[in-house]
Protein backbone atom coordinates (compact mmCIF):
# COMPACT_ATOMS: atom_id res chain seq x y z
CA MET A 1 0.01 -0.01 0.02
CA SER A 2 2.94 2.33 -0.52
CA ALA A 3 2.38 5.21 -2.86
CA ALA A 4 3.23 4.90 -6.49
CA PRO A 5 6.00 7.07 -7.97
CA ALA A 6 5.42 10.24 -9.95
CA GLU A 7 3.14 11.75 -7.28
CA ARG A 8 1.94 15.30 -7.76
CA PRO A 9 -0.47 17.67 -5.95
CA ALA A 10 -4.08 16.50 -6.15
CA ALA A 11 -6.31 18.00 -8.82
CA GLY A 12 -8.70 20.81 -7.97
CA ALA A 13 -12.44 21.08 -8.55
CA SER A 14 -12.25 19.45 -11.99
CA GLY A 15 -11.18 16.21 -10.33
CA PRO A 16 -8.61 13.63 -11.28
CA SER A 17 -8.56 11.51 -14.36
CA PRO A 18 -10.20 8.02 -14.12
CA ALA A 19 -6.68 6.45 -14.20
CA ALA A 20 -5.48 8.51 -11.25
CA ASN A 21 -5.37 7.80 -7.57
CA ALA A 22 -5.68 10.44 -4.86
CA LEU A 23 -3.86 9.70 -1.65
CA VAL A 24 -2.92 11.44 1.58
CA ARG A 25 0.71 11.41 2.74
CA MET A 26 1.97 11.97 6.27
CA THR A 27 5.47 13.30 5.79
CA GLY A 28 6.80 13.83 9.32
CA SER A 29 6.11 14.60 12.97
CA GLY A 30 4.43 17.89 13.79
CA THR A 31 1.21 19.69 12.89
CA PRO A 32 -1.39 18.30 10.50
CA GLU A 33 -1.21 21.48 8.42
CA GLU A 34 2.55 21.00 7.93
CA HIS A 35 2.75 17.22 7.42
CA ILE A 36 -0.50 16.00 5.88
CA HIS A 37 -0.70 16.48 2.13
CA THR A 38 -3.02 15.15 -0.61
CA VAL A 39 -1.31 14.14 -3.84
CA GLU A 40 -2.11 12.20 -7.04
CA GLY A 41 -0.39 9.05 -8.31
CA PRO A 42 -1.17 6.18 -10.65
CA ARG A 43 -4.11 4.01 -9.82
CA PRO A 44 -2.97 0.70 -8.23
CA THR A 45 -3.98 -2.73 -9.49
CA ALA A 46 -5.18 -5.86 -7.81
CA GLY A 47 -2.39 -8.37 -7.22
CA LYS A 48 -2.48 -12.13 -6.83
CA ASP A 49 -5.06 -13.12 -4.19
CA GLY A 50 -6.03 -9.52 -3.86
CA VAL A 51 -8.62 -6.97 -4.96
CA LEU A 52 -8.75 -3.27 -5.74
CA VAL A 53 -11.33 -1.33 -3.75
CA ALA A 54 -12.79 2.11 -4.62
CA VAL A 55 -13.08 3.74 -1.19
CA GLU A 56 -16.38 5.21 -0.16
CA ALA A 57 -15.31 6.19 3.36
CA ALA A 58 -12.09 5.95 5.45
CA GLY A 59 -11.87 6.60 9.15
CA VAL A 60 -9.80 9.16 11.01
CA SER A 61 -8.71 8.10 14.51
CA PHE A 62 -6.44 8.96 17.36
CA ALA A 63 -4.06 6.34 16.07
CA GLU A 64 -3.24 8.74 13.27
CA VAL A 65 -2.91 11.65 15.74
CA GLN A 66 -0.37 9.53 17.63
CA MET A 67 1.42 8.67 14.45
CA LEU A 68 1.68 12.35 13.47
CA GLN A 69 3.24 13.06 16.87
CA HIS A 70 5.42 9.97 16.57
CA LEU A 71 3.81 8.60 19.77
CA HIS A 72 2.09 5.53 18.43
CA PRO A 73 3.37 2.24 19.88
CA PHE A 74 3.96 0.86 16.35
CA PRO A 75 4.87 3.96 14.28
CA PRO A 76 5.37 3.57 10.54
CA ARG A 77 8.34 5.28 8.91
CA PHE A 78 7.67 8.66 7.40
CA PRO A 79 6.48 9.30 4.72
CA PHE A 80 3.51 6.94 4.47
CA VAL A 81 -0.23 6.80 3.70
CA PRO A 82 -2.22 6.64 6.97
CA GLY A 83 -5.68 5.23 7.34
CA TYR A 84 -6.73 2.46 9.73
CA ASP A 85 -10.01 1.37 8.19
CA LEU A 86 -12.15 1.77 5.09
CA VAL A 87 -15.41 0.83 3.38
CA GLY A 88 -15.81 0.60 -0.37
CA ARG A 89 -16.63 -1.43 -3.44
CA ILE A 90 -14.44 -3.90 -5.33
CA VAL A 91 -13.53 -2.64 -8.78
CA GLU A 92 -10.99 -5.19 -9.77
CA VAL A 93 -10.31 -8.84 -8.69
CA GLY A 94 -6.89 -10.35 -8.95
CA PRO A 95 -5.89 -13.92 -9.89
CA GLY A 96 -6.61 -16.58 -7.29
CA VAL A 97 -9.46 -14.72 -5.57
CA THR A 98 -12.58 -16.63 -4.77
CA GLY A 99 -15.72 -15.58 -2.93
CA TRP A 100 -15.52 -11.92 -4.05
CA LYS A 101 -16.52 -10.23 -7.26
CA THR A 102 -16.55 -6.79 -8.81
CA GLY A 103 -19.25 -4.60 -7.25
CA ASP A 104 -19.17 -6.30 -3.83
CA ARG A 105 -19.28 -3.86 -0.90
CA VAL A 106 -16.57 -4.57 1.68
CA ALA A 107 -14.84 -3.29 4.77
CA ALA A 108 -11.21 -3.70 5.73
CA MET A 109 -8.78 -2.63 8.46
CA PRO A 110 -5.37 -2.34 6.84
CA ARG A 111 -4.13 -0.13 9.73
CA GLN A 112 -2.38 2.12 7.28
CA GLY A 113 -3.02 2.98 3.64
CA ALA A 114 -6.79 3.64 3.78
CA TRP A 115 -6.58 7.36 3.00
CA GLN A 116 -6.74 6.88 -0.75
CA ARG A 117 -9.32 6.82 -3.50
CA PHE A 118 -8.24 3.33 -4.56
CA VAL A 119 -6.67 0.76 -2.28
CA ALA A 120 -5.22 -2.64 -3.17
CA LEU A 121 -5.97 -5.20 -0.48
CA PRO A 122 -5.54 -8.97 0.21
CA ALA A 123 -8.91 -10.60 -0.34
CA LYS A 124 -8.60 -12.54 2.91
CA THR A 125 -8.76 -9.32 4.94
CA LEU A 126 -12.24 -8.28 3.64
CA THR A 127 -15.66 -8.56 5.31
CA ALA A 128 -19.02 -7.81 3.71
CA VAL A 129 -20.94 -4.60 4.27
CA PRO A 130 -24.78 -4.34 3.89
CA GLY A 131 -25.78 -2.18 0.95
CA GLU A 132 -28.27 -0.12 2.95
CA LEU A 133 -25.72 1.20 5.49
CA ASP A 134 -24.44 4.74 4.95
CA ALA A 135 -20.67 4.51 4.22
CA ALA A 136 -19.66 6.76 7.10
CA VAL A 137 -21.72 4.74 9.54
CA ALA A 138 -20.31 1.47 8.14
CA VAL A 139 -16.69 2.64 8.54
CA ALA A 140 -17.41 3.86 12.10
CA LEU A 141 -18.19 0.30 12.94
CA VAL A 142 -14.87 -1.18 11.67
CA ALA A 143 -11.98 -0.39 14.09
CA ASN A 144 -14.10 1.69 16.54
CA GLY A 145 -17.11 -0.59 16.56
CA VAL A 146 -15.26 -3.92 16.73
CA THR A 147 -13.08 -2.50 19.54
CA ALA A 148 -16.15 -1.57 21.54
CA TYR A 149 -17.94 -4.88 20.85
CA GLN A 150 -14.94 -7.12 21.65
CA MET A 151 -14.07 -5.26 24.82
CA LEU A 152 -17.58 -5.55 26.08
CA HIS A 153 -18.48 -9.06 24.96
CA ARG A 154 -15.08 -10.87 24.66
CA ARG A 155 -12.95 -9.32 27.39
CA THR A 156 -15.63 -9.20 30.12
CA ARG A 157 -18.38 -11.47 31.35
CA LEU A 158 -20.92 -8.82 32.23
CA ARG A 159 -24.59 -9.60 32.92
CA PRO A 160 -27.56 -7.28 32.64
CA GLY A 161 -27.96 -5.25 35.77
CA GLN A 162 -24.27 -4.81 36.38
CA SER A 163 -22.44 -1.48 36.11
CA VAL A 164 -19.53 -0.20 34.03
CA LEU A 165 -17.36 2.95 33.81
CA VAL A 166 -16.67 4.11 30.28
CA HIS A 167 -13.99 6.82 29.81
CA GLY A 168 -14.37 9.13 26.81
CA ALA A 169 -18.02 8.29 26.09
CA SER A 170 -18.28 11.02 23.51
CA GLY A 171 -15.45 9.59 21.33
CA GLY A 172 -15.63 7.17 18.41
CA VAL A 173 -15.10 4.06 20.53
CA GLY A 174 -16.69 5.34 23.76
CA ALA A 175 -20.01 6.38 22.24
CA LEU A 176 -20.48 2.96 20.58
CA LEU A 177 -19.30 1.16 23.73
CA THR A 178 -21.85 3.10 25.77
CA GLN A 179 -24.67 2.25 23.31
CA LEU A 180 -23.73 -1.41 23.33
CA ALA A 181 -23.55 -1.52 27.14
CA VAL A 182 -26.93 0.13 27.52
CA HIS A 183 -28.40 -2.27 24.98
CA HIS A 184 -26.96 -5.11 27.04
CA GLY A 185 -28.83 -3.91 30.14
CA LEU A 186 -25.90 -2.42 32.00
CA ARG A 187 -25.78 0.73 34.02
CA VAL A 188 -23.23 3.00 32.41
CA ILE A 189 -21.28 5.77 34.19
CA ALA A 190 -19.39 7.72 31.65
CA THR A 191 -16.75 10.40 31.56
CA ALA A 192 -16.65 13.29 29.12
CA SER A 193 -16.02 17.01 29.19
CA ALA A 194 -18.89 19.03 30.66
CA ALA A 195 -19.83 20.47 27.24
CA LYS A 196 -20.57 16.92 26.02
CA HIS A 197 -22.67 15.71 28.96
CA ASP A 198 -26.04 16.16 27.24
CA ALA A 199 -24.86 14.04 24.33
CA VAL A 200 -23.68 11.34 26.79
CA ARG A 201 -27.06 11.42 28.60
CA ARG A 202 -28.81 10.82 25.27
CA LEU A 203 -26.76 7.64 24.95
CA GLY A 204 -28.29 6.45 28.20
CA ALA A 205 -25.33 6.99 30.47
CA GLU A 206 -24.68 8.99 33.67
CA PRO A 207 -21.99 11.55 32.79
CA LEU A 208 -19.07 12.78 34.95
CA ASP A 209 -16.38 15.32 34.03
CA TYR A 210 -13.03 13.47 33.75
CA ARG A 211 -11.20 16.67 34.60
CA THR A 212 -12.83 17.02 37.99
CA PRO A 213 -10.17 16.68 40.76
CA GLY A 214 -12.65 14.69 42.90
CA LEU A 215 -13.59 12.18 40.18
CA ALA A 216 -12.87 9.18 42.38
CA ASP A 217 -15.15 10.51 45.11
CA GLN A 218 -17.97 11.17 42.58
CA LEU A 219 -17.58 7.69 41.28
CA ARG A 220 -17.83 6.20 44.76
CA ALA A 221 -20.94 8.30 45.43
CA LEU A 222 -22.62 6.85 42.37
CA ALA A 223 -21.36 3.28 42.85
CA PRO A 224 -20.39 2.70 46.52
CA GLY A 225 -19.74 -0.97 45.93
CA GLY A 226 -17.62 -0.26 42.81
CA VAL A 227 -18.28 -1.05 39.15
CA ASP A 228 -17.98 -4.40 37.48
CA ALA A 229 -15.83 -3.13 34.59
CA VAL A 230 -13.76 -0.05 33.61
CA PHE A 231 -12.89 0.73 30.02
CA ASP A 232 -9.96 3.14 29.97
CA HIS A 233 -8.33 4.91 26.98
CA ILE A 234 -6.36 7.39 29.07
CA GLY A 235 -3.69 5.26 30.76
CA GLY A 236 -1.19 6.50 33.33
CA ARG A 237 -2.26 7.11 36.87
CA GLY A 238 -5.91 7.06 35.88
CA LEU A 239 -5.53 3.27 35.70
CA ASP A 240 -5.03 3.23 39.42
CA VAL A 241 -8.29 5.10 40.03
CA GLY A 242 -10.12 2.68 37.76
CA TRP A 243 -8.57 -0.33 39.48
CA ALA A 244 -9.63 1.03 42.87
CA MET A 245 -13.20 1.45 41.63
CA LEU A 246 -13.57 -2.21 40.53
CA ALA A 247 -15.90 -4.39 42.54
CA ARG A 248 -14.83 -7.89 43.51
CA GLY A 249 -14.27 -9.95 40.37
CA GLY A 250 -14.31 -6.85 38.15
CA THR A 251 -12.27 -6.19 35.02
CA LEU A 252 -10.21 -3.19 33.91
CA VAL A 253 -9.63 -3.00 30.13
CA SER A 254 -7.00 -0.59 28.88
CA PHE A 255 -7.39 0.08 25.18
CA ASP A 256 -5.23 3.13 24.59
CA SER A 257 -3.08 5.70 26.34
CA SER A 258 -3.23 9.51 26.22
CA VAL A 259 -0.20 11.12 24.68
CA ALA A 260 -0.89 14.54 26.20
CA GLY A 261 2.29 16.02 27.72
CA PHE A 262 4.69 13.79 25.81
CA ARG A 263 7.18 15.14 23.36
CA PRO A 264 7.05 13.97 19.73
CA GLY A 265 9.26 10.97 19.26
CA GLN A 266 8.74 9.43 22.73
CA TRP A 267 6.88 6.77 20.78
CA PHE A 268 6.46 4.05 23.42
CA ARG A 269 6.64 5.99 26.69
CA PRO A 270 2.86 6.86 26.93
CA HIS A 271 2.08 3.15 26.79
CA VAL A 272 4.59 1.88 29.43
CA PRO A 273 2.39 2.58 32.49
CA ALA A 274 -0.37 0.36 31.17
CA LEU A 275 1.98 -2.44 30.31
CA ARG A 276 3.69 -2.29 33.69
CA ARG A 277 0.37 -2.27 35.63
CA THR A 278 -1.08 -5.09 33.50
CA ALA A 279 1.92 -7.28 34.20
CA THR A 280 1.96 -6.44 37.94
CA ARG A 281 -1.70 -7.15 38.39
CA PHE A 282 -1.49 -10.38 36.39
CA VAL A 283 1.02 -11.70 38.88
CA ALA A 284 -0.96 -10.36 41.86
CA ARG A 285 -4.15 -12.02 40.58
CA HIS A 286 -2.52 -15.43 40.30
CA LEU A 287 -1.22 -15.01 43.86
CA GLY A 288 -4.81 -14.37 44.96
CA LEU A 289 -4.17 -10.72 45.95
CA THR A 290 -6.70 -8.89 43.78
CA ARG A 291 -10.09 -10.01 45.09
CA GLY A 292 -10.66 -11.63 41.77
CA ARG A 293 -10.14 -8.39 39.84
CA ARG A 294 -8.16 -8.54 36.63
CA MET A 295 -6.68 -6.10 34.14
CA SER A 296 -6.00 -6.58 30.45
CA MET A 297 -4.87 -4.57 27.43
CA TYR A 298 -6.82 -4.63 24.26
CA TYR A 299 -5.73 -4.01 20.69
CA VAL A 300 -8.05 -4.63 17.77
CA LYS A 301 -6.81 -6.98 15.13
CA PRO A 302 -8.31 -8.63 12.01
CA GLY A 303 -9.27 -12.29 11.77
CA PRO A 304 -12.39 -14.55 11.86
CA GLY A 305 -13.64 -13.06 15.15
CA PHE A 306 -13.28 -9.55 13.67
CA SER A 307 -15.50 -10.47 10.66
CA ALA A 308 -18.18 -12.11 12.84
CA ASP A 309 -18.34 -9.20 15.21
CA TYR A 310 -18.44 -6.60 12.43
CA THR A 311 -21.33 -8.46 10.85
CA GLU A 312 -23.19 -8.33 14.17
CA LEU A 313 -22.51 -4.64 14.53
CA CYS A 314 -23.89 -4.00 11.05
CA ARG A 315 -27.05 -5.86 11.97
CA LEU A 316 -27.48 -3.74 15.14
CA ALA A 317 -26.93 -0.56 13.06
CA VAL A 318 -29.46 -1.61 10.40
CA GLU A 319 -32.03 -2.34 13.22
CA GLY A 320 -31.38 1.10 14.77
CA VAL A 321 -29.83 -0.24 17.98
CA LEU A 322 -26.53 1.45 17.18
CA THR A 323 -26.27 4.97 15.82
CA PRO A 324 -22.67 5.96 15.31
CA ARG A 325 -22.21 9.70 15.62
CA ILE A 326 -20.42 11.19 12.63
CA ALA A 327 -18.52 14.28 13.71
CA GLY A 328 -17.60 15.36 10.19
CA ARG A 329 -17.27 14.20 6.57
CA HIS A 330 -14.18 15.51 4.79
CA SER A 331 -12.74 15.21 1.31
CA LEU A 332 -9.19 13.87 1.00
CA GLU A 333 -8.03 17.43 0.32
CA HIS A 334 -9.31 18.46 3.75
CA THR A 335 -7.80 15.59 5.76
CA ALA A 336 -5.63 17.93 7.80
CA ARG A 337 -8.80 19.66 9.08
CA ALA A 338 -10.15 16.38 10.35
CA VAL A 339 -6.94 15.55 12.22
CA ARG A 340 -6.89 19.07 13.59
CA ALA A 341 -10.39 18.62 14.95
CA LEU A 342 -9.28 15.49 16.86
CA LEU A 343 -6.20 17.33 18.22
CA ASP A 344 -8.45 20.23 19.47
CA GLY A 345 -10.68 17.81 21.32
CA THR A 346 -13.96 19.42 20.29
CA SER A 347 -15.45 16.50 18.34
CA ILE A 348 -18.26 14.21 19.32
CA GLY A 349 -18.15 10.99 17.28
CA LYS A 350 -16.15 9.83 14.29
CA HIS A 351 -14.45 11.92 11.60
CA VAL A 352 -14.62 10.30 8.17
CA LEU A 353 -12.92 10.88 4.83
CA THR A 354 -15.05 10.51 1.70
CA PRO A 355 -12.78 10.27 -1.39
């Protein structure tokens, strides 16, 4: 999924030629305005056991923000084409491919390379997308949706009537996780900035401001006996507060780490606290010192379970159970604006690129 040679600035309002590909390059560590550029190059072709997909929507996530700041735990080398996930239609099928044909609507999570008009992908990485789903909604269910679903249903053993704490309930993952938890019959206490509390209430959760100094006391007032699960994307010392709030037998799931306050280039340092705490509590649990509580780290990855869970999420979306909030739809030429919105922290929901 590397860019083809002979790249040039993307065409203007007249659009590119049918043989051209538009792609977004991240060229270095710094600001989106300085290091995110849209260019044109030759359209790729489907290789052996692969397909070529015309992208309808590609997601923008905090993973790309971390990559831009060189603070992602697995940073690609600059320059590269970012883009964790996409939805589109197959326009070319390569030799050796079975089960897929031209015109099929598919989703994929290549982890990088999705920010293009055309993307060549291995056929084995694809999963089907219902035709009636809006493309932005469908792509919001790929990395974000599967992350939320698997954390709730595969990393915990929660029963209706139990309680959970969801950090960042207004974000792309948090909002879907909150909706899934409410649908599962769970009581949801959720953190978000005060300006987003009404949106969190509409999801069915009880909001708290994560910046409040007395957050732990507020949590204890709402759930004196603790909560049965905590889903944390902040990391650091906040993991200790979440751990202390767990009821007996509860689960703390760490699925990301805030990079606020770290210098660009300290690529793994934001994630060390979660790794250290997970290892320490694993040992303590097996020594019988955690009252049955456990902590795990989660990282979404493709595979058979991914496809099955994505199919279930699409069903819930078609039925109206899940309503992913789309914070903005942007052309490839305005990708830097989408990344800037995430950096500024004013968004509710998912930003999506529509090539």
